[in-house]
C-alpha atoms as a PDB file:
ATOM      1  CA  MET A   1       0.000   0.000   0.000  1.00  0.00           C
ATOM      2  CA  LEU A   2       2.929   2.375   0.469  1.00  0.00           C
ATOM      3  CA  HIS A   3       3.579   2.202  -3.284  1.00  0.00           C
ATOM      4  CA  ILE A   4      -0.107   2.799  -4.094  1.00  0.00           C
ATOM      5  CA  ARG A   5      -0.339   5.755  -1.680  1.00  0.00           C
ATOM      6  CA  SER A   6       2.695   7.407  -3.313  1.00  0.00           C
ATOM      7  CA  GLN A   7       1.087   7.534  -6.790  1.00  0.00           C
ATOM      8  CA  LYS A   8      -0.857  10.506  -8.258  1.00  0.00           C
ATOM      9  CA  LEU A   9      -4.155   8.572  -8.066  1.00  0.00           C
ATOM     10  CA  ASN A  10      -6.148  10.408 -10.705  1.00  0.00           C
ATOM     11  CA  THR A  11      -9.696   9.190 -11.341  1.00  0.00           C
ATOM     12  CA  GLY A  12      -9.602   6.173 -13.658  1.00  0.00           C
ATOM     13  CA  ASP A  13      -5.959   5.284 -12.922  1.00  0.00           C
ATOM     14  CA  ARG A  14      -5.222   1.572 -12.637  1.00  0.00           C
ATOM     15  CA  ILE A  15      -2.275   0.048 -10.823  1.00  0.00           C
ATOM     16  CA  THR A  16      -1.409  -3.642 -11.067  1.00  0.00           C
ATOM     17  CA  LEU A  17       1.259  -5.280  -8.922  1.00  0.00           C
ATOM     18  CA  VAL A  18       2.462  -8.804  -8.332  1.00  0.00           C
ATOM     19  CA  VAL A  19       2.814  -9.397  -4.597  1.00  0.00           C
ATOM     20  CA  HIS A  20       4.295 -12.427  -2.872  1.00  0.00           C
ATOM     21  CA  PRO A  21       3.364 -12.080   0.811  1.00  0.00           C
ATOM     22  CA  PHE A  22       3.833 -15.715   1.833  1.00  0.00           C
ATOM     23  CA  GLY A  23       4.165 -18.898  -0.223  1.00  0.00           C
ATOM     24  CA  ASN A  24       1.958 -17.883  -3.157  1.00  0.00           C
ATOM     25  CA  PRO A  25       2.066 -15.008  -5.659  1.00  0.00           C
ATOM     26  CA  TYR A  26      -0.993 -12.780  -6.140  1.00  0.00           C
ATOM     27  CA  LEU A  27      -2.031 -10.204  -8.715  1.00  0.00           C
ATOM     28  CA  PHE A  28      -3.123  -7.034  -6.918  1.00  0.00           C
ATOM     29  CA  ASN A  29      -5.337  -4.626  -8.921  1.00  0.00           C
ATOM     30  CA  VAL A  30      -6.249  -1.120  -7.818  1.00  0.00           C
ATOM     31  CA  LYS A  31      -8.571   1.256  -9.658  1.00  0.00           C
ATOM     32  CA  VAL A  32      -9.142   4.880  -8.626  1.00  0.00           C
ATOM     33  CA  GLN A  33     -12.919   5.342  -8.553  1.00  0.00           C
ATOM     34  CA  GLY A  34     -12.811   9.065  -7.800  1.00  0.00           C
ATOM     35  CA  ARG A  35     -12.802  11.656  -5.073  1.00  0.00           C
ATOM     36  CA  GLU A  36     -15.602  12.150  -2.567  1.00  0.00           C
ATOM     37  CA  VAL A  37     -16.358  13.264   0.962  1.00  0.00           C
ATOM     38  CA  HIS A  38     -16.466  10.173   3.170  1.00  0.00           C
ATOM     39  CA  LEU A  39     -16.897  10.264   6.946  1.00  0.00           C
ATOM     40  CA  LYS A  40     -16.611  14.079   6.794  1.00  0.00           C
ATOM     41  CA  ARG A  41     -13.175  13.925   5.089  1.00  0.00           C
ATOM     42  CA  LYS A  42     -12.068  14.548   1.525  1.00  0.00           C
ATOM     43  CA  THR A  43     -11.073  11.104   0.287  1.00  0.00           C
ATOM     44  CA  ILE A  44      -9.907   9.115  -2.721  1.00  0.00           C
ATOM     45  CA  ARG A  45     -12.063   6.025  -3.317  1.00  0.00           C
ATOM     46  CA  LEU A  46     -10.192   2.947  -4.555  1.00  0.00           C
ATOM     47  CA  SER A  47     -11.421  -0.433  -5.739  1.00  0.00           C
ATOM     48  CA  VAL A  48      -8.983  -3.173  -4.686  1.00  0.00           C
ATOM     49  CA  GLY A  49      -8.992  -6.732  -6.045  1.00  0.00           C
ATOM     50  CA  MET A  50      -6.759  -9.780  -5.839  1.00  0.00           C
ATOM     51  CA  ARG A  51      -6.286 -12.859  -7.966  1.00  0.00           C
ATOM     52  CA  LYS A  52      -4.135 -15.862  -7.134  1.00  0.00           C
ATOM     53  CA  ILE A  53      -1.391 -16.703  -9.643  1.00  0.00           C
ATOM     54  CA  ASP A  54      -0.974 -20.392 -10.479  1.00  0.00           C
ATOM     55  CA  ARG A  55       2.744 -21.147 -10.116  1.00  0.00           C
ATOM     56  CA  LYS A  56       2.799 -23.729 -12.938  1.00  0.00           C
ATOM     57  CA  THR A  57       0.728 -22.001 -15.625  1.00  0.00           C
ATOM     58  CA  LEU A  58       1.063 -18.365 -14.402  1.00  0.00           C
ATOM     59  CA  GLU A  59      -2.692 -18.056 -14.935  1.00  0.00           C
ATOM     60  CA  ALA A  60      -4.552 -15.513 -12.772  1.00  0.00           C
ATOM     61  CA  LEU A  61      -7.169 -17.488 -10.842  1.00  0.00           C
ATOM     62  CA  PRO A  62      -9.990 -16.236  -8.619  1.00  0.00           C
ATOM     63  CA  TYR A  63      -8.984 -15.585  -5.029  1.00  0.00           C
ATOM     64  CA  LYS A  64     -11.631 -17.567  -3.179  1.00  0.00           C
ATOM     65  CA  LYS A  65     -11.252 -15.707   0.124  1.00  0.00           C
ATOM     66  CA  MET A  66     -12.503 -12.440  -1.448  1.00  0.00           C
ATOM     67  CA  ASN A  67     -16.007 -12.558  -2.912  1.00  0.00           C
ATOM     68  CA  SER A  68     -15.612  -9.269  -4.803  1.00  0.00           C
ATOM     69  CA  ASP A  69     -13.350  -6.242  -4.998  1.00  0.00           C
ATOM     70  CA  ALA A  70     -12.848  -4.357  -1.743  1.00  0.00           C
ATOM     71  CA  THR A  71     -13.269  -0.602  -1.332  1.00  0.00           C
ATOM     72  CA  LEU A  72     -10.637   1.581   0.310  1.00  0.00           C
ATOM     73  CA  TRP A  73     -10.898   5.296   1.072  1.00  0.00           C
ATOM     74  CA  LEU A  74      -7.630   7.222   1.498  1.00  0.00           C
ATOM     75  CA  SER A  75      -7.497  10.797   2.765  1.00  0.00           C
ATOM     76  CA  ASP A  76      -7.117  13.216  -0.155  1.00  0.00           C
ATOM     77  CA  ASP A  77      -4.070  15.006   1.217  1.00  0.00           C
ATOM     78  CA  THR A  78      -0.316  14.494   1.332  1.00  0.00           C
ATOM     79  CA  ASP A  79      -0.598  11.885   4.110  1.00  0.00           C
ATOM     80  CA  ARG A  80      -2.974   9.531   2.225  1.00  0.00           C
ATOM     81  CA  ILE A  81      -4.160   7.948   5.474  1.00  0.00           C
ATOM     82  CA  PRO A  82      -6.506   4.931   5.133  1.00  0.00           C
ATOM     83  CA  VAL A  83      -9.891   6.258   6.347  1.00  0.00           C
ATOM     84  CA  GLU A  84     -12.027   3.146   5.790  1.00  0.00           C
ATOM     85  CA  PHE A  85     -11.766  -0.303   4.240  1.00  0.00           C
ATOM     86  CA  ARG A  86     -14.701  -2.563   3.311  1.00  0.00           C
ATOM     87  CA  ALA A  87     -14.492  -6.067   1.900  1.00  0.00           C
ATOM     88  CA  ALA A  88     -16.797  -9.026   1.333  1.00  0.00           C
ATOM     89  CA  VAL A  89     -14.672 -12.025   2.307  1.00  0.00           C
ATOM     90  CA  PHE A  90     -15.316 -15.715   2.923  1.00  0.00           C
ATOM     91  CA  ILE A  91     -16.247 -15.131   6.596  1.00  0.00           C
ATOM     92  CA  GLY A  92     -18.625 -12.233   5.837  1.00  0.00           C
ATOM     93  CA  ASP A  93     -18.388  -8.489   5.432  1.00  0.00           C
ATOM     94  CA  VAL A  94     -15.320  -6.876   7.008  1.00  0.00           C
ATOM     95  CA  ARG A  95     -14.991  -3.177   7.742  1.00  0.00           C
ATOM     96  CA  ALA A  96     -12.204  -1.152   9.336  1.00  0.00           C
ATOM     97  CA  THR A  97     -12.656   2.554  10.066  1.00  0.00           C
ATOM     98  CA  LEU A  98     -10.104   5.111  11.229  1.00  0.00           C
ATOM     99  CA  ALA A  99     -10.944   5.995  14.832  1.00  0.00           C
ATOM    100  CA  GLY A 100      -8.508   8.864  15.211  1.00  0.00           C
ATOM    101  CA  PHE A 101      -5.418  10.509  13.804  1.00  0.00           C
ATOM    102  CA  GLN A 102      -2.917  12.927  15.262  1.00  0.00           C
ATOM    103  CA  LYS A 103       0.185  14.299  13.565  1.00  0.00           C
ATOM    104  CA  SER A 104       3.240  14.379  15.777  1.00  0.00           C
END
């Protein structure tokens, strides 16, 4: 996410990365949906999706733990702080919301 947060993030931009967090590679897709006010903050709305990469064929397969693309809101300022994250995953809907932020 540090790489994503450092980009310009203009509406319609797409960023695709191969990530290898553990034993398997994944294709990570991010699309900038636009700018909006969310939770009383100016934010950048992102659509975030993952696909599993088959090691033998290099084919991008569905990632079964995510039912659909997740949504991430970043603050629309130089800090690009994650404000909220929502995802439909195999255990149900997951949501994380920024409770507070203080610059030091």
